[in-house]
Amino acid sequence: MKNLKNRVLLFDCLFPGFLNASAQIKGYWPTAKFDPSYDDVSIIQLIANPMAYDGKKVRLTGFLRIEFEGDAIYFHREDFKNSIMRNALWVDVPHDMTATQKQDANMHYVLCEGVFRANRHGHMRLFSGEISEVSRIQVFVERSRHS
């Protein structure tokens, strides 16, 4: 038993934080469990074929902006900067998402899980669909330029 404790201690020293990775997840993921029932899709697939995914559980990545009347996930950061809302989906931000979680995820690329709604388009119908029943908004850690 002592040998196992020493190995765990050594591993934790060599790879700090690895054993506590769940504590380092930024964003919103209340269950912290992978759900294989979500379809992995791109925003492009949802925009190009909305009826094929309507009402389905989807997992996608994009650039998240949380703001008054503008909670959306964009295909790219530049789409947000240039107000290209057709390259974005409205996000029905969970009511139990804390202010800290929102701040951590806002203006970052995220992995988002929820139900796609083809006929809902957010504030003033500006967006190309909606992600509702959101169960996960997890921040991606950006790569350094040297990796």
C-alpha atoms as a PDB file:
ATOM      1  CA  MET A   1       0.000   0.000   0.000  1.00  0.00           C
ATOM      2  CA  LYS A   2       2.835   2.382   0.848  1.00  0.00           C
ATOM      3  CA  ASN A   3       4.392   1.693  -2.570  1.00  0.00           C
ATOM      4  CA  LEU A   4       1.111   2.620  -4.316  1.00  0.00           C
ATOM      5  CA  LYS A   5       0.867   5.885  -2.368  1.00  0.00           C
ATOM      6  CA  ASN A   6       4.429   6.739  -3.377  1.00  0.00           C
ATOM      7  CA  ARG A   7       3.627   6.056  -7.038  1.00  0.00           C
ATOM      8  CA  VAL A   8       0.530   8.241  -6.910  1.00  0.00           C
ATOM      9  CA  LEU A   9       2.514  11.010  -5.214  1.00  0.00           C
ATOM     10  CA  LEU A  10       5.284  10.746  -7.823  1.00  0.00           C
ATOM     11  CA  PHE A  11       2.743  10.772 -10.680  1.00  0.00           C
ATOM     12  CA  ASP A  12       0.999  13.824  -9.231  1.00  0.00           C
ATOM     13  CA  CYS A  13       4.351  15.620  -8.909  1.00  0.00           C
ATOM     14  CA  LEU A  14       5.339  14.797 -12.491  1.00  0.00           C
ATOM     15  CA  PHE A  15       1.902  15.630 -13.927  1.00  0.00           C
ATOM     16  CA  PRO A  16       0.412  18.225 -11.579  1.00  0.00           C
ATOM     17  CA  GLY A  17      -3.329  18.518 -11.710  1.00  0.00           C
ATOM     18  CA  PHE A  18      -3.872  15.406 -13.820  1.00  0.00           C
ATOM     19  CA  LEU A  19      -5.538  13.493 -11.008  1.00  0.00           C
ATOM     20  CA  ASN A  20      -7.764  16.482 -10.259  1.00  0.00           C
ATOM     21  CA  ALA A  21      -8.598  17.294 -13.883  1.00  0.00           C
ATOM     22  CA  SER A  22     -12.325  17.596 -13.192  1.00  0.00           C
ATOM     23  CA  ALA A  23     -11.618  20.498 -10.840  1.00  0.00           C
ATOM     24  CA  GLN A  24      -9.886  22.320 -13.683  1.00  0.00           C
ATOM     25  CA  ILE A  25     -12.776  22.170 -16.167  1.00  0.00           C
ATOM     26  CA  LYS A  26     -13.883  25.708 -16.911  1.00  0.00           C
ATOM     27  CA  GLY A  27     -17.429  26.360 -17.962  1.00  0.00           C
ATOM     28  CA  TYR A  28     -20.636  24.449 -17.266  1.00  0.00           C
ATOM     29  CA  TRP A  29     -20.807  20.651 -17.017  1.00  0.00           C
ATOM     30  CA  PRO A  30     -22.903  19.653 -13.996  1.00  0.00           C
ATOM     31  CA  THR A  31     -22.732  15.887 -14.563  1.00  0.00           C
ATOM     32  CA  ALA A  32     -19.058  15.772 -15.656  1.00  0.00           C
ATOM     33  CA  LYS A  33     -19.866  12.501 -17.441  1.00  0.00           C
ATOM     34  CA  PHE A  34     -19.423  11.799 -21.144  1.00  0.00           C
ATOM     35  CA  ASP A  35     -22.768  11.067 -22.836  1.00  0.00           C
ATOM     36  CA  PRO A  36     -22.417   9.033 -26.054  1.00  0.00           C
ATOM     37  CA  SER A  37     -26.009   9.804 -27.119  1.00  0.00           C
ATOM     38  CA  TYR A  38     -24.950  13.205 -28.529  1.00  0.00           C
ATOM     39  CA  ASP A  39     -24.117  13.438 -32.252  1.00  0.00           C
ATOM     40  CA  ASP A  40     -20.759  15.112 -32.934  1.00  0.00           C
ATOM     41  CA  VAL A  41     -21.501  17.777 -35.559  1.00  0.00           C
ATOM     42  CA  SER A  42     -20.109  21.063 -36.809  1.00  0.00           C
ATOM     43  CA  ILE A  43     -22.003  24.332 -36.910  1.00  0.00           C
ATOM     44  CA  ILE A  44     -21.704  24.117 -40.700  1.00  0.00           C
ATOM     45  CA  GLN A  45     -23.607  20.806 -40.731  1.00  0.00           C
ATOM     46  CA  LEU A  46     -26.375  22.304 -38.595  1.00  0.00           C
ATOM     47  CA  ILE A  47     -26.693  25.409 -40.781  1.00  0.00           C
ATOM     48  CA  ALA A  48     -26.548  23.485 -44.087  1.00  0.00           C
ATOM     49  CA  ASN A  49     -28.963  20.690 -43.063  1.00  0.00           C
ATOM     50  CA  PRO A  50     -31.060  22.042 -40.193  1.00  0.00           C
ATOM     51  CA  MET A  51     -33.996  19.658 -40.562  1.00  0.00           C
ATOM     52  CA  ALA A  52     -31.697  16.609 -40.446  1.00  0.00           C
ATOM     53  CA  TYR A  53     -30.708  17.560 -36.893  1.00  0.00           C
ATOM     54  CA  ASP A  54     -33.890  19.222 -35.623  1.00  0.00           C
ATOM     55  CA  GLY A  55     -34.722  17.975 -32.132  1.00  0.00           C
ATOM     56  CA  LYS A  56     -31.540  15.899 -31.874  1.00  0.00           C
ATOM     57  CA  LYS A  57     -28.911  15.964 -29.150  1.00  0.00           C
ATOM     58  CA  VAL A  58     -25.758  17.482 -30.618  1.00  0.00           C
ATOM     59  CA  ARG A  59     -22.182  18.151 -29.526  1.00  0.00           C
ATOM     60  CA  LEU A  60     -20.395  20.987 -31.331  1.00  0.00           C
ATOM     61  CA  THR A  61     -17.545  23.424 -30.958  1.00  0.00           C
ATOM     62  CA  GLY A  62     -17.454  27.129 -31.626  1.00  0.00           C
ATOM     63  CA  PHE A  63     -16.722  30.580 -30.274  1.00  0.00           C
ATOM     64  CA  LEU A  64     -19.120  31.506 -27.452  1.00  0.00           C
ATOM     65  CA  ARG A  65     -20.392  34.998 -26.747  1.00  0.00           C
ATOM     66  CA  ILE A  66     -22.651  35.545 -23.750  1.00  0.00           C
ATOM     67  CA  GLU A  67     -24.272  38.966 -23.766  1.00  0.00           C
ATOM     68  CA  PHE A  68     -27.692  40.575 -23.370  1.00  0.00           C
ATOM     69  CA  GLU A  69     -29.896  39.462 -26.300  1.00  0.00           C
ATOM     70  CA  GLY A  70     -26.894  37.842 -27.975  1.00  0.00           C
ATOM     71  CA  ASP A  71     -26.043  34.508 -26.330  1.00  0.00           C
ATOM     72  CA  ALA A  72     -24.629  32.593 -29.289  1.00  0.00           C
ATOM     73  CA  ILE A  73     -22.034  30.130 -30.472  1.00  0.00           C
ATOM     74  CA  TYR A  74     -20.251  31.233 -33.644  1.00  0.00           C
ATOM     75  CA  PHE A  75     -18.450  29.136 -36.222  1.00  0.00           C
ATOM     76  CA  HIS A  76     -15.375  31.315 -35.774  1.00  0.00           C
ATOM     77  CA  ARG A  77     -14.171  34.207 -33.594  1.00  0.00           C
ATOM     78  CA  GLU A  78     -14.042  36.383 -36.735  1.00  0.00           C
ATOM     79  CA  ASP A  79     -17.743  35.748 -37.361  1.00  0.00           C
ATOM     80  CA  PHE A  80     -18.468  37.275 -33.962  1.00  0.00           C
ATOM     81  CA  LYS A  81     -16.089  40.206 -34.527  1.00  0.00           C
ATOM     82  CA  ASN A  82     -17.723  40.950 -37.888  1.00  0.00           C
ATOM     83  CA  SER A  83     -21.327  40.373 -36.693  1.00  0.00           C
ATOM     84  CA  ILE A  84     -21.985  37.474 -39.073  1.00  0.00           C
ATOM     85  CA  MET A  85     -24.914  36.078 -37.106  1.00  0.00           C
ATOM     86  CA  ARG A  86     -25.946  33.617 -39.827  1.00  0.00           C
ATOM     87  CA  ASN A  87     -22.754  31.712 -38.967  1.00  0.00           C
ATOM     88  CA  ALA A  88     -23.971  31.351 -35.391  1.00  0.00           C
ATOM     89  CA  LEU A  89     -26.585  29.559 -33.322  1.00  0.00           C
ATOM     90  CA  TRP A  90     -28.509  31.069 -30.443  1.00  0.00           C
ATOM     91  CA  VAL A  91     -27.620  29.368 -27.149  1.00  0.00           C
ATOM     92  CA  ASP A  92     -30.253  28.990 -24.454  1.00  0.00           C
ATOM     93  CA  VAL A  93     -27.823  29.456 -21.565  1.00  0.00           C
ATOM     94  CA  PRO A  94     -28.786  27.244 -18.589  1.00  0.00           C
ATOM     95  CA  HIS A  95     -30.450  29.117 -15.716  1.00  0.00           C
ATOM     96  CA  ASP A  96     -28.221  27.356 -13.189  1.00  0.00           C
ATOM     97  CA  MET A  97     -24.996  28.408 -14.927  1.00  0.00           C
ATOM     98  CA  THR A  98     -23.213  30.640 -12.429  1.00  0.00           C
ATOM     99  CA  ALA A  99     -21.818  34.094 -13.162  1.00  0.00           C
ATOM    100  CA  THR A 100     -18.295  32.684 -12.756  1.00  0.00           C
ATOM    101  CA  GLN A 101     -18.991  29.866 -15.227  1.00  0.00           C
ATOM    102  CA  LYS A 102     -20.397  32.381 -17.719  1.00  0.00           C
ATOM    103  CA  GLN A 103     -17.382  34.638 -17.309  1.00  0.00           C
ATOM    104  CA  ASP A 104     -14.989  31.693 -17.748  1.00  0.00           C
ATOM    105  CA  ALA A 105     -16.693  30.532 -20.975  1.00  0.00           C
ATOM    106  CA  ASN A 106     -17.513  33.907 -22.525  1.00  0.00           C
ATOM    107  CA  MET A 107     -15.333  34.914 -25.501  1.00  0.00           C
ATOM    108  CA  HIS A 108     -13.684  31.487 -25.733  1.00  0.00           C
ATOM    109  CA  TYR A 109     -13.930  28.475 -27.969  1.00  0.00           C
ATOM    110  CA  VAL A 110     -16.092  25.892 -26.232  1.00  0.00           C
ATOM    111  CA  LEU A 111     -17.515  22.433 -26.593  1.00  0.00           C
ATOM    112  CA  CYS A 112     -21.297  22.692 -26.277  1.00  0.00           C
ATOM    113  CA  GLU A 113     -23.902  19.937 -25.839  1.00  0.00           C
ATOM    114  CA  GLY A 114     -27.624  20.474 -26.199  1.00  0.00           C
ATOM    115  CA  VAL A 115     -30.669  19.947 -28.406  1.00  0.00           C
ATOM    116  CA  PHE A 116     -30.698  21.629 -31.828  1.00  0.00           C
ATOM    117  CA  ARG A 117     -33.876  23.506 -32.788  1.00  0.00           C
ATOM    118  CA  ALA A 118     -34.005  24.349 -36.497  1.00  0.00           C
ATOM    119  CA  ASN A 119     -37.043  26.631 -36.275  1.00  0.00           C
ATOM    120  CA  ARG A 120     -35.867  28.789 -33.394  1.00  0.00           C
ATOM    121  CA  HIS A 121     -33.553  31.660 -34.220  1.00  0.00           C
ATOM    122  CA  GLY A 122     -32.980  33.668 -31.046  1.00  0.00           C
ATOM    123  CA  HIS A 123     -33.310  37.402 -30.580  1.00  0.00           C
ATOM    124  CA  MET A 124     -34.993  39.042 -33.589  1.00  0.00           C
ATOM    125  CA  ARG A 125     -34.529  35.760 -35.535  1.00  0.00           C
ATOM    126  CA  LEU A 126     -30.931  36.766 -36.309  1.00  0.00           C
ATOM    127  CA  PHE A 127     -29.337  33.337 -35.870  1.00  0.00           C
ATOM    128  CA  SER A 128     -29.418  30.123 -37.928  1.00  0.00           C
ATOM    129  CA  GLY A 129     -30.951  27.951 -35.224  1.00  0.00           C
ATOM    130  CA  GLU A 130     -30.850  27.367 -31.500  1.00  0.00           C
ATOM    131  CA  ILE A 131     -29.142  25.092 -29.024  1.00  0.00           C
ATOM    132  CA  SER A 132     -31.566  24.470 -26.151  1.00  0.00           C
ATOM    133  CA  GLU A 133     -31.512  22.151 -23.132  1.00  0.00           C
ATOM    134  CA  VAL A 134     -27.782  22.833 -22.821  1.00  0.00           C
ATOM    135  CA  SER A 135     -26.034  20.250 -20.647  1.00  0.00           C
ATOM    136  CA  ARG A 136     -22.417  21.261 -21.233  1.00  0.00           C
ATOM    137  CA  ILE A 137     -20.388  24.347 -22.128  1.00  0.00           C
ATOM    138  CA  GLN A 138     -16.733  23.466 -21.624  1.00  0.00           C
ATOM    139  CA  VAL A 139     -13.885  25.852 -22.429  1.00  0.00           C
ATOM    140  CA  PHE A 140     -11.152  24.660 -24.771  1.00  0.00           C
ATOM    141  CA  VAL A 141      -7.649  25.442 -23.652  1.00  0.00           C
ATOM    142  CA  GLU A 142      -5.968  27.248 -26.521  1.00  0.00           C
ATOM    143  CA  ARG A 143      -2.701  25.895 -27.857  1.00  0.00           C
ATOM    144  CA  SER A 144       0.376  28.007 -27.565  1.00  0.00           C
ATOM    145  CA  ARG A 145       1.785  29.264 -30.851  1.00  0.00           C
ATOM    146  CA  HIS A 146       4.832  27.053 -30.390  1.00  0.00           C
ATOM    147  CA  SER A 147       3.024  23.720 -30.118  1.00  0.00           C
END
